[in-house]
């Protein structure tokens, strides 16, 4: 799965947690796992700004920051990924 799709998936997990949608509650552990999945991709490692934003989102999740803040940081990572691609 390409990095952009992975980041969008992580955003969807965060948004689902914020909405409280579904029968199951999404835990911070599940959010962190989705973010770590993004960080493991070589495509994200190639753009330092993306890694920075993903690390910030992971830290925010660990610190119990609101889901909106985590999602905003993931959107920044997605933007940095697209910017990094256009520079190459």
C-alpha atoms as a PDB file:
ATOM      1  CA  UNK A   1       0.000   0.000   0.000  1.00  0.00           C
ATOM      2  CA  UNK A   2       1.476   3.384  -0.995  1.00  0.00           C
ATOM      3  CA  UNK A   3       2.371   5.820   1.757  1.00  0.00           C
ATOM      4  CA  UNK A   4      -0.385   8.305   0.889  1.00  0.00           C
ATOM      5  CA  UNK A   5      -3.012   5.566   1.224  1.00  0.00           C
ATOM      6  CA  UNK A   6      -1.511   4.439   4.531  1.00  0.00           C
ATOM      7  CA  UNK A   7      -1.591   7.988   5.903  1.00  0.00           C
ATOM      8  CA  UNK A   8      -5.196   8.403   4.735  1.00  0.00           C
ATOM      9  CA  UNK A   9      -6.052   5.137   6.493  1.00  0.00           C
ATOM     10  CA  UNK A  10      -4.471   6.453   9.718  1.00  0.00           C
ATOM     11  CA  UNK A  11      -6.512   9.659   9.345  1.00  0.00           C
ATOM     12  CA  UNK A  12      -9.659   7.557   8.933  1.00  0.00           C
ATOM     13  CA  UNK A  13      -8.849   5.658  12.137  1.00  0.00           C
ATOM     14  CA  UNK A  14      -8.347   8.921  14.021  1.00  0.00           C
ATOM     15  CA  UNK A  15     -11.559  10.390  12.618  1.00  0.00           C
ATOM     16  CA  UNK A  16     -13.495   7.256  13.558  1.00  0.00           C
ATOM     17  CA  UNK A  17     -12.149   7.540  17.091  1.00  0.00           C
ATOM     18  CA  UNK A  18     -13.181  11.193  17.242  1.00  0.00           C
ATOM     19  CA  UNK A  19     -16.670  10.417  15.941  1.00  0.00           C
ATOM     20  CA  UNK A  20     -17.140   7.481  18.271  1.00  0.00           C
ATOM     21  CA  UNK A  21     -18.587   5.636  15.284  1.00  0.00           C
ATOM     22  CA  UNK A  22     -19.249   1.928  15.330  1.00  0.00           C
ATOM     23  CA  UNK A  23     -19.829  -0.570  18.057  1.00  0.00           C
ATOM     24  CA  UNK A  24     -16.190  -0.819  19.079  1.00  0.00           C
ATOM     25  CA  UNK A  25     -14.225   1.990  20.626  1.00  0.00           C
ATOM     26  CA  UNK A  26     -10.962   2.738  18.854  1.00  0.00           C
ATOM     27  CA  UNK A  27      -8.114   2.882  21.333  1.00  0.00           C
ATOM     28  CA  UNK A  28      -5.013   5.082  21.297  1.00  0.00           C
ATOM     29  CA  UNK A  29      -3.029   1.872  20.766  1.00  0.00           C
ATOM     30  CA  UNK A  30      -4.850   1.247  17.485  1.00  0.00           C
ATOM     31  CA  UNK A  31      -4.219   4.831  16.395  1.00  0.00           C
ATOM     32  CA  UNK A  32      -0.530   4.533  17.286  1.00  0.00           C
ATOM     33  CA  UNK A  33      -0.292   1.270  15.349  1.00  0.00           C
ATOM     34  CA  UNK A  34      -1.760   2.931  12.239  1.00  0.00           C
ATOM     35  CA  UNK A  35       0.773   5.773  12.543  1.00  0.00           C
ATOM     36  CA  UNK A  36       3.680   3.360  13.091  1.00  0.00           C
ATOM     37  CA  UNK A  37       2.594   1.470   9.957  1.00  0.00           C
ATOM     38  CA  UNK A  38       3.085   4.733   8.052  1.00  0.00           C
ATOM     39  CA  UNK A  39       6.488   5.319   9.605  1.00  0.00           C
ATOM     40  CA  UNK A  40       7.761   1.900   8.508  1.00  0.00           C
ATOM     41  CA  UNK A  41       7.398   2.656   4.808  1.00  0.00           C
ATOM     42  CA  UNK A  42      10.557   3.520   2.835  1.00  0.00           C
ATOM     43  CA  UNK A  43       8.554   6.172   0.978  1.00  0.00           C
ATOM     44  CA  UNK A  44       7.980   8.130   4.202  1.00  0.00           C
ATOM     45  CA  UNK A  45      11.584   7.689   5.311  1.00  0.00           C
ATOM     46  CA  UNK A  46      12.722   9.416   2.124  1.00  0.00           C
ATOM     47  CA  UNK A  47      11.032  12.699   3.108  1.00  0.00           C
ATOM     48  CA  UNK A  48      12.279  13.965   6.507  1.00  0.00           C
ATOM     49  CA  UNK A  49       9.325  16.353   6.948  1.00  0.00           C
ATOM     50  CA  UNK A  50       6.913  13.432   6.658  1.00  0.00           C
ATOM     51  CA  UNK A  51       8.794  11.483   9.336  1.00  0.00           C
ATOM     52  CA  UNK A  52       8.729  14.572  11.562  1.00  0.00           C
ATOM     53  CA  UNK A  53       4.963  14.987  11.265  1.00  0.00           C
ATOM     54  CA  UNK A  54       4.328  11.266  11.775  1.00  0.00           C
ATOM     55  CA  UNK A  55       6.513  11.299  14.890  1.00  0.00           C
ATOM     56  CA  UNK A  56       4.598  14.335  16.180  1.00  0.00           C
ATOM     57  CA  UNK A  57       1.283  12.557  15.560  1.00  0.00           C
ATOM     58  CA  UNK A  58       2.552   9.488  17.405  1.00  0.00           C
ATOM     59  CA  UNK A  59       3.729  11.622  20.341  1.00  0.00           C
ATOM     60  CA  UNK A  60       0.404  13.472  20.396  1.00  0.00           C
ATOM     61  CA  UNK A  61      -1.447  10.157  20.518  1.00  0.00           C
ATOM     62  CA  UNK A  62       0.751   8.957  23.377  1.00  0.00           C
ATOM     63  CA  UNK A  63       0.225  12.248  25.220  1.00  0.00           C
ATOM     64  CA  UNK A  64      -3.560  11.935  24.927  1.00  0.00           C
ATOM     65  CA  UNK A  65      -3.994  14.965  22.690  1.00  0.00           C
ATOM     66  CA  UNK A  66      -7.406  15.408  21.027  1.00  0.00           C
ATOM     67  CA  UNK A  67      -8.073  13.383  17.885  1.00  0.00           C
ATOM     68  CA  UNK A  68      -8.523  16.597  15.882  1.00  0.00           C
ATOM     69  CA  UNK A  69      -4.937  17.597  16.659  1.00  0.00           C
ATOM     70  CA  UNK A  70      -3.609  14.159  15.679  1.00  0.00           C
ATOM     71  CA  UNK A  71      -5.603  14.231  12.432  1.00  0.00           C
ATOM     72  CA  UNK A  72      -4.331  17.721  11.611  1.00  0.00           C
ATOM     73  CA  UNK A  73      -0.746  16.520  12.083  1.00  0.00           C
ATOM     74  CA  UNK A  74      -1.402  13.524   9.827  1.00  0.00           C
ATOM     75  CA  UNK A  75      -2.845  15.834   7.164  1.00  0.00           C
ATOM     76  CA  UNK A  76       0.394  17.844   7.418  1.00  0.00           C
ATOM     77  CA  UNK A  77       2.360  14.618   6.872  1.00  0.00           C
ATOM     78  CA  UNK A  78       0.243  13.861   3.812  1.00  0.00           C
ATOM     79  CA  UNK A  79       0.895  17.360   2.447  1.00  0.00           C
ATOM     80  CA  UNK A  80       4.623  17.026   3.079  1.00  0.00           C
ATOM     81  CA  UNK A  81       4.622  13.681   1.279  1.00  0.00           C
ATOM     82  CA  UNK A  82       2.956  15.211  -1.773  1.00  0.00           C
ATOM     83  CA  UNK A  83       5.340  18.163  -1.640  1.00  0.00           C
ATOM     84  CA  UNK A  84       8.317  15.812  -1.392  1.00  0.00           C
ATOM     85  CA  UNK A  85       7.146  13.891  -4.431  1.00  0.00           C
ATOM     86  CA  UNK A  86       6.812  17.061  -6.498  1.00  0.00           C
ATOM     87  CA  UNK A  87      10.395  18.038  -5.669  1.00  0.00           C
ATOM     88  CA  UNK A  88      11.778  14.736  -6.957  1.00  0.00           C
END
